[in-house]
């Protein structure tokens, strides 16, 4: 009599980790790129407010604005980015958006080294990052 989970009697069920997807180079590149992008997003969510507080002495209102600004472009650009993604190839859009976010976030340490980092620069960076995010999210969904 087979067990309730579908395994043969006396054998434990084990997930199949093999398959064609794990041998597909494009799938592995997509997975790696998306994982790195997600990790960067999580680090940024923690690092930007911390940098604003520690380096610039930002107060609660400034940190709150820094946390709220990335959602503004998402609300404004969601529909136009969907139209853009439907008309253009998705892969180049995802790559361009990730590179745009990388450039915007990479400007923070450069400006800091030149002793010119301000809260307004951080505001501009989070607006840019928020502007690239809708296209990337929509392109990754399909």
Protein backbone atom coordinates (compact mmCIF):
# COMPACT_ATOMS: atom_id res chain seq x y z
CA UNK A 1 0.00 0.00 0.00
CA UNK A 2 1.53 3.36 -1.00
CA UNK A 3 2.12 5.92 1.67
CA UNK A 4 0.04 9.10 1.86
CA UNK A 5 2.81 11.35 0.53
CA UNK A 6 3.25 9.32 -2.67
CA UNK A 7 6.51 7.63 -1.71
CA UNK A 8 6.99 3.91 -2.11
CA UNK A 9 6.64 1.84 1.07
CA UNK A 10 9.76 2.08 3.22
CA UNK A 11 11.23 4.93 1.19
CA UNK A 12 11.23 8.60 2.05
CA UNK A 13 10.11 11.18 -0.45
CA UNK A 14 12.93 13.38 -1.75
CA UNK A 15 12.53 16.39 -4.03
CA UNK A 16 14.01 16.15 -7.50
CA UNK A 17 16.75 18.74 -7.75
CA UNK A 18 17.82 17.80 -11.24
CA UNK A 19 16.09 18.79 -14.41
CA UNK A 20 16.54 20.69 -17.60
CA UNK A 21 16.32 24.12 -15.97
CA UNK A 22 19.46 23.57 -13.89
CA UNK A 23 21.40 22.88 -17.08
CA UNK A 24 20.04 25.90 -18.95
CA UNK A 25 22.68 28.68 -18.96
CA UNK A 26 20.13 31.46 -19.56
CA UNK A 27 18.03 30.30 -16.60
CA UNK A 28 21.08 30.21 -14.34
CA UNK A 29 22.15 33.69 -15.46
CA UNK A 30 18.65 35.03 -14.80
CA UNK A 31 18.54 33.40 -11.37
CA UNK A 32 21.97 34.69 -10.40
CA UNK A 33 21.24 38.20 -11.67
CA UNK A 34 17.91 38.39 -9.89
CA UNK A 35 19.43 37.06 -6.66
CA UNK A 36 22.22 39.64 -6.74
CA UNK A 37 19.71 42.38 -7.53
CA UNK A 38 17.45 41.33 -4.65
CA UNK A 39 20.41 41.20 -2.26
CA UNK A 40 21.41 44.71 -3.34
CA UNK A 41 17.88 45.95 -2.76
CA UNK A 42 17.85 44.54 0.77
CA UNK A 43 21.26 45.98 1.60
CA UNK A 44 20.24 49.36 0.20
CA UNK A 45 17.07 49.44 2.30
CA UNK A 46 19.24 49.15 5.40
CA UNK A 47 22.33 51.09 4.30
CA UNK A 48 20.78 54.32 2.98
CA UNK A 49 18.93 55.33 6.15
CA UNK A 50 21.94 54.27 8.21
CA UNK A 51 24.27 56.38 6.06
CA UNK A 52 21.90 59.33 6.33
CA UNK A 53 21.83 59.08 10.11
CA UNK A 54 25.49 58.27 10.75
CA UNK A 55 27.21 60.35 8.07
CA UNK A 56 24.85 63.26 7.64
CA UNK A 57 23.15 63.47 11.02
CA UNK A 58 19.71 63.19 9.42
CA UNK A 59 16.69 63.52 11.66
CA UNK A 60 13.45 61.53 11.68
CA UNK A 61 11.73 63.67 9.04
CA UNK A 62 14.66 63.41 6.64
CA UNK A 63 14.96 59.65 7.11
CA UNK A 64 11.20 59.29 6.67
CA UNK A 65 11.35 61.22 3.42
CA UNK A 66 14.27 59.06 2.32
CA UNK A 67 12.19 55.95 3.01
CA UNK A 68 9.07 57.31 1.27
CA UNK A 69 10.61 58.74 -1.90
CA UNK A 70 11.28 55.42 -3.70
CA UNK A 71 7.53 54.72 -3.86
CA UNK A 72 6.71 57.98 -5.62
CA UNK A 73 8.20 57.01 -9.02
CA UNK A 74 6.68 53.56 -8.70
CA UNK A 75 3.20 55.04 -8.41
CA UNK A 76 3.76 57.40 -11.33
CA UNK A 77 5.69 55.10 -13.70
CA UNK A 78 3.97 51.73 -13.26
CA UNK A 79 1.57 51.98 -16.19
CA UNK A 80 4.02 53.61 -18.65
CA UNK A 81 6.67 51.04 -17.74
CA UNK A 82 4.18 48.24 -18.48
CA UNK A 83 3.57 49.70 -21.92
CA UNK A 84 7.32 50.04 -22.51
CA UNK A 85 8.04 46.48 -21.41
CA UNK A 86 5.29 45.09 -23.65
CA UNK A 87 6.84 46.74 -26.71
CA UNK A 88 10.54 46.01 -26.10
CA UNK A 89 12.56 42.89 -25.28
CA UNK A 90 12.48 42.16 -21.56
CA UNK A 91 16.05 41.03 -20.99
CA UNK A 92 17.75 44.28 -22.10
CA UNK A 93 15.24 46.25 -20.02
CA UNK A 94 16.05 44.24 -16.90
CA UNK A 95 19.78 44.63 -17.49
CA UNK A 96 19.51 48.37 -18.19
CA UNK A 97 17.41 48.94 -15.07
CA UNK A 98 19.84 47.02 -12.87
CA UNK A 99 22.78 48.93 -14.35
CA UNK A 100 20.94 52.22 -13.81
CA UNK A 101 20.33 51.37 -10.18
CA UNK A 102 23.96 50.31 -9.82
CA UNK A 103 25.17 53.63 -11.26
CA UNK A 104 22.86 55.67 -9.04
CA UNK A 105 23.84 53.78 -5.89
CA UNK A 106 27.49 53.73 -6.91
CA UNK A 107 27.49 57.50 -6.96
CA UNK A 108 27.02 57.62 -3.18
CA UNK A 109 30.51 56.45 -2.16
CA UNK A 110 32.10 58.51 -4.94
CA UNK A 111 30.38 61.69 -3.81
CA UNK A 112 31.20 60.87 -0.19
CA UNK A 113 34.89 60.53 -1.06
CA UNK A 114 34.75 63.97 -2.70
CA UNK A 115 33.27 65.36 0.54
CA UNK A 116 30.06 66.44 -1.15
CA UNK A 117 27.49 63.97 0.13
CA UNK A 118 24.26 65.59 1.24
CA UNK A 119 20.76 64.46 2.06
CA UNK A 120 19.61 65.95 -1.26
CA UNK A 121 21.98 63.67 -3.12
CA UNK A 122 20.50 60.69 -1.28
CA UNK A 123 17.01 61.93 -2.20
CA UNK A 124 18.02 62.10 -5.87
CA UNK A 125 19.52 58.60 -5.70
CA UNK A 126 16.41 57.02 -4.17
CA UNK A 127 14.24 58.78 -6.75
CA UNK A 128 16.42 57.39 -9.55
CA UNK A 129 16.42 53.92 -8.04
CA UNK A 130 12.65 54.16 -7.62
CA UNK A 131 12.37 55.23 -11.25
CA UNK A 132 14.25 52.18 -12.54
CA UNK A 133 12.39 49.74 -10.32
CA UNK A 134 8.95 49.65 -12.05
CA UNK A 135 10.42 48.69 -15.42
CA UNK A 136 12.58 46.02 -13.82
CA UNK A 137 9.70 44.57 -11.79
CA UNK A 138 7.31 44.49 -14.75
CA UNK A 139 9.95 42.96 -17.06
CA UNK A 140 10.77 40.25 -14.52
CA UNK A 141 7.12 39.18 -14.10
CA UNK A 142 6.61 37.79 -17.57
